[in-house]
C-alpha cells in the first residue's frame, strides 16, 4: 500500500502530540488521512482490527475512513502529525509506502519549521502545502532501495564528470534527480565517500592541471574553461589541493 503521487495530497492541519503515561489512542473513524512522525516513545493502536506499533524514527499514514482504536496503552509517545486529503493504492508501482523509517535530523527540522509556521499563522495555504511535500519527498527518498541508490549515485557521478565545466551547483544536481540537497549529499557520499560538490571541485582541478601542463592557455582562461566564474575561488581551491598556485605549479612541473 502506497500514498499515490497523483492526485496530489492536500494539506489540512499540522500539530505536535505527546501522550501521558498510560494514555490510549483515541477511538474514531476519521475523515482525513494522518501522517504520524514518531520521535520518542512507543505508539500503539488498532486500525480496522489490525494492531500497529510504532517506535521512534518510524512514520505511519493512517488512512481516512478506517476504524482506529487504542486497546493497548502507549509508552508516552511524542510525535508530529499532519492531516491531509490523499489517495492510496495497492497497485501503483511507485509512491510512498504508508509505513517506514525516517532520518530524524532532516525530518525533525522540517517538522519543527512546519510547527513554527503553522502556529505563527504567517504562512499561506500554498506555503504549508509546499512544506508538506518537502516532508513527503524526504520520506520517499529514505525508502529508495539500496540498488537504486547505487545506480543513482553512479549516474550523478557521470553527470558531474560530463558537466563539470558548466556553472553547476548542488541545487542543480539535486533538482535533476528530484531529491533534496541533503539527501543527494547522503546518497552520493555513502557510495563514494565524498560529497557531489567535492567531487565536482576534484574534476575541475584535475582538468585544470591537465590544461596547465599541456597548453599555453593563461591561468585565468583555464579557470573559466573548467567551470569557475570567480578566479579567486579557483586560485584558492587549486592551492589547497596542490600546495602551490596554478602559475607556480606550471613552472615547477614544466621545469
Foldseek 3Di string as FASTA:
>chain_A
DFFDPPPPKFFDDKDKDWDDAQDFDAWDQAQWKKKKQWAAFKHWKAWLRRIDIDHHQKIAIHHHGTTMTGPGGTGGIIIMMTTIHTDDDPPDPDHQPRMDGADCVVLVVLSVVLHVCVVVVPDDRVVNSVSVVLNRQRRRLVVPDPVVLLVLLVVLLVVLLVCLLAQDDLVNSCVVVVHDSVSQQVSNCVNPVGGSVVSSLVSLLVVLLVCLQPHPDDSVVSCNRRHDPDSVVVQVSNCVVPVDGSVVSSVVVVD
